[in-house]
């Protein structure tokens, strides 16, 4: 299992716009081999921003890498540059390979 996360520092006053953008975007994730799960997480409120994270779970790191090289990825991110006004800085990517899993 591989988890891909992007952290976003969203300027105060743009939280609703940010969440709406994610709700309405074409992600194409469900069409990708190896895609398991997606979450948009709202984090702590800081002095100058609200922290968010997008969190996708993949069968493997290779499945995630295939996604990043796909036409679907380009389509899902085609308007990303139009939303810079919402962010303090660009997204911060972190990728994790699973070493231990527990579930109920």
C-alpha atoms as a PDB file:
ATOM      1  CA  UNK A   1       0.000   0.000   0.000  1.00  0.00           C
ATOM      2  CA  UNK A   2       1.162   3.527  -0.807  1.00  0.00           C
ATOM      3  CA  UNK A   3      -0.267   6.777   0.572  1.00  0.00           C
ATOM      4  CA  UNK A   4       0.204  10.023  -1.341  1.00  0.00           C
ATOM      5  CA  UNK A   5      -0.495  13.233   0.558  1.00  0.00           C
ATOM      6  CA  UNK A   6      -0.423  16.894  -0.408  1.00  0.00           C
ATOM      7  CA  UNK A   7      -0.592  19.548   2.301  1.00  0.00           C
ATOM      8  CA  UNK A   8      -2.138  22.911   1.433  1.00  0.00           C
ATOM      9  CA  UNK A   9      -1.898  26.140   3.425  1.00  0.00           C
ATOM     10  CA  UNK A  10      -5.166  27.862   2.528  1.00  0.00           C
ATOM     11  CA  UNK A  11      -5.421  31.561   3.309  1.00  0.00           C
ATOM     12  CA  UNK A  12      -8.162  32.567   5.724  1.00  0.00           C
ATOM     13  CA  UNK A  13     -11.341  33.504   3.902  1.00  0.00           C
ATOM     14  CA  UNK A  14     -10.747  30.950   1.103  1.00  0.00           C
ATOM     15  CA  UNK A  15     -11.623  27.743   2.963  1.00  0.00           C
ATOM     16  CA  UNK A  16     -15.117  27.383   1.474  1.00  0.00           C
ATOM     17  CA  UNK A  17     -13.825  28.155  -2.030  1.00  0.00           C
ATOM     18  CA  UNK A  18     -11.071  25.539  -1.597  1.00  0.00           C
ATOM     19  CA  UNK A  19     -13.475  22.843  -0.386  1.00  0.00           C
ATOM     20  CA  UNK A  20     -15.972  23.624  -3.175  1.00  0.00           C
ATOM     21  CA  UNK A  21     -13.213  23.404  -5.777  1.00  0.00           C
ATOM     22  CA  UNK A  22     -12.323  19.897  -4.560  1.00  0.00           C
ATOM     23  CA  UNK A  23     -15.966  18.779  -4.408  1.00  0.00           C
ATOM     24  CA  UNK A  24     -16.612  19.878  -7.991  1.00  0.00           C
ATOM     25  CA  UNK A  25     -13.408  18.835  -9.753  1.00  0.00           C
ATOM     26  CA  UNK A  26     -13.090  15.905 -12.125  1.00  0.00           C
ATOM     27  CA  UNK A  27     -10.546  13.662 -10.415  1.00  0.00           C
ATOM     28  CA  UNK A  28     -10.617  10.553 -12.669  1.00  0.00           C
ATOM     29  CA  UNK A  29      -9.149   8.603  -9.750  1.00  0.00           C
ATOM     30  CA  UNK A  30     -11.766   5.854  -9.861  1.00  0.00           C
ATOM     31  CA  UNK A  31     -10.684   5.053 -13.421  1.00  0.00           C
ATOM     32  CA  UNK A  32      -7.105   4.317 -12.374  1.00  0.00           C
ATOM     33  CA  UNK A  33      -5.749   0.837 -11.761  1.00  0.00           C
ATOM     34  CA  UNK A  34      -4.541   0.523  -8.179  1.00  0.00           C
ATOM     35  CA  UNK A  35      -6.550   3.444  -6.764  1.00  0.00           C
ATOM     36  CA  UNK A  36      -8.123   2.552  -3.403  1.00  0.00           C
ATOM     37  CA  UNK A  37      -9.325   5.613  -1.505  1.00  0.00           C
ATOM     38  CA  UNK A  38      -9.361   9.419  -1.380  1.00  0.00           C
ATOM     39  CA  UNK A  39      -9.858  11.840   1.519  1.00  0.00           C
ATOM     40  CA  UNK A  40      -9.720  15.611   1.748  1.00  0.00           C
ATOM     41  CA  UNK A  41      -8.781  16.437   5.329  1.00  0.00           C
ATOM     42  CA  UNK A  42      -9.277  19.740   7.137  1.00  0.00           C
ATOM     43  CA  UNK A  43      -6.559  20.389   9.673  1.00  0.00           C
ATOM     44  CA  UNK A  44      -5.756  22.984  12.295  1.00  0.00           C
ATOM     45  CA  UNK A  45      -6.449  26.676  11.985  1.00  0.00           C
ATOM     46  CA  UNK A  46      -3.205  28.667  12.162  1.00  0.00           C
ATOM     47  CA  UNK A  47      -2.551  32.417  12.458  1.00  0.00           C
ATOM     48  CA  UNK A  48      -2.469  32.997   8.693  1.00  0.00           C
ATOM     49  CA  UNK A  49      -3.999  29.846   7.143  1.00  0.00           C
ATOM     50  CA  UNK A  50      -6.043  26.667   7.539  1.00  0.00           C
ATOM     51  CA  UNK A  51      -4.125  23.455   6.878  1.00  0.00           C
ATOM     52  CA  UNK A  52      -5.680  20.881   4.515  1.00  0.00           C
ATOM     53  CA  UNK A  53      -4.385  17.592   3.158  1.00  0.00           C
ATOM     54  CA  UNK A  54      -5.439  15.475   0.204  1.00  0.00           C
ATOM     55  CA  UNK A  55      -4.821  11.813   0.976  1.00  0.00           C
ATOM     56  CA  UNK A  56      -4.961   9.037  -1.623  1.00  0.00           C
ATOM     57  CA  UNK A  57      -4.368   5.353  -0.990  1.00  0.00           C
ATOM     58  CA  UNK A  58      -2.932   3.200  -3.770  1.00  0.00           C
ATOM     59  CA  UNK A  59      -2.224  -0.502  -4.135  1.00  0.00           C
ATOM     60  CA  UNK A  60       1.448   0.339  -4.714  1.00  0.00           C
ATOM     61  CA  UNK A  61       3.850   3.198  -5.329  1.00  0.00           C
ATOM     62  CA  UNK A  62       4.026   2.106  -8.966  1.00  0.00           C
ATOM     63  CA  UNK A  63       0.230   2.495  -9.300  1.00  0.00           C
ATOM     64  CA  UNK A  64       0.559   6.037  -7.952  1.00  0.00           C
ATOM     65  CA  UNK A  65       3.440   6.799 -10.337  1.00  0.00           C
ATOM     66  CA  UNK A  66       1.344   5.531 -13.269  1.00  0.00           C
ATOM     67  CA  UNK A  67      -1.366   7.974 -12.189  1.00  0.00           C
ATOM     68  CA  UNK A  68       1.102  10.878 -12.217  1.00  0.00           C
ATOM     69  CA  UNK A  69       2.148   9.981 -15.787  1.00  0.00           C
ATOM     70  CA  UNK A  70      -1.406   9.577 -17.079  1.00  0.00           C
ATOM     71  CA  UNK A  71      -3.641  11.776 -19.220  1.00  0.00           C
ATOM     72  CA  UNK A  72      -6.189  11.497 -16.377  1.00  0.00           C
ATOM     73  CA  UNK A  73      -3.702  13.170 -14.010  1.00  0.00           C
ATOM     74  CA  UNK A  74      -3.162  16.023 -16.469  1.00  0.00           C
ATOM     75  CA  UNK A  75      -6.923  16.413 -16.840  1.00  0.00           C
ATOM     76  CA  UNK A  76      -7.498  16.436 -13.080  1.00  0.00           C
ATOM     77  CA  UNK A  77      -4.847  19.132 -12.575  1.00  0.00           C
ATOM     78  CA  UNK A  78      -5.450  21.277 -15.667  1.00  0.00           C
ATOM     79  CA  UNK A  79      -6.830  24.233 -13.659  1.00  0.00           C
ATOM     80  CA  UNK A  80      -4.467  24.002 -10.686  1.00  0.00           C
ATOM     81  CA  UNK A  81      -2.615  27.203 -11.589  1.00  0.00           C
ATOM     82  CA  UNK A  82      -5.847  29.215 -11.517  1.00  0.00           C
ATOM     83  CA  UNK A  83      -6.192  28.885  -7.743  1.00  0.00           C
ATOM     84  CA  UNK A  84      -2.882  30.298  -6.498  1.00  0.00           C
ATOM     85  CA  UNK A  85      -4.694  33.190  -4.809  1.00  0.00           C
ATOM     86  CA  UNK A  86      -5.999  30.759  -2.158  1.00  0.00           C
ATOM     87  CA  UNK A  87      -2.604  29.497  -0.988  1.00  0.00           C
ATOM     88  CA  UNK A  88       0.231  30.850   1.117  1.00  0.00           C
ATOM     89  CA  UNK A  89       2.584  28.578  -0.858  1.00  0.00           C
ATOM     90  CA  UNK A  90       2.390  25.663  -3.246  1.00  0.00           C
ATOM     91  CA  UNK A  91       1.282  22.218  -2.085  1.00  0.00           C
ATOM     92  CA  UNK A  92       3.748  20.097  -0.137  1.00  0.00           C
ATOM     93  CA  UNK A  93       3.840  16.446  -1.298  1.00  0.00           C
ATOM     94  CA  UNK A  94       4.669  13.499   0.944  1.00  0.00           C
ATOM     95  CA  UNK A  95       4.546   9.836  -0.101  1.00  0.00           C
ATOM     96  CA  UNK A  96       4.518   6.866   2.273  1.00  0.00           C
ATOM     97  CA  UNK A  97       4.880   3.122   1.810  1.00  0.00           C
ATOM     98  CA  UNK A  98       2.998   1.024   4.334  1.00  0.00           C
ATOM     99  CA  UNK A  99       5.058  -1.036   6.761  1.00  0.00           C
ATOM    100  CA  UNK A 100       2.232  -1.988   9.160  1.00  0.00           C
ATOM    101  CA  UNK A 101      -1.542  -2.030   8.729  1.00  0.00           C
ATOM    102  CA  UNK A 102      -4.300  -2.635  11.296  1.00  0.00           C
ATOM    103  CA  UNK A 103      -8.044  -2.492  10.768  1.00  0.00           C
ATOM    104  CA  UNK A 104     -11.188  -3.328  12.665  1.00  0.00           C
END
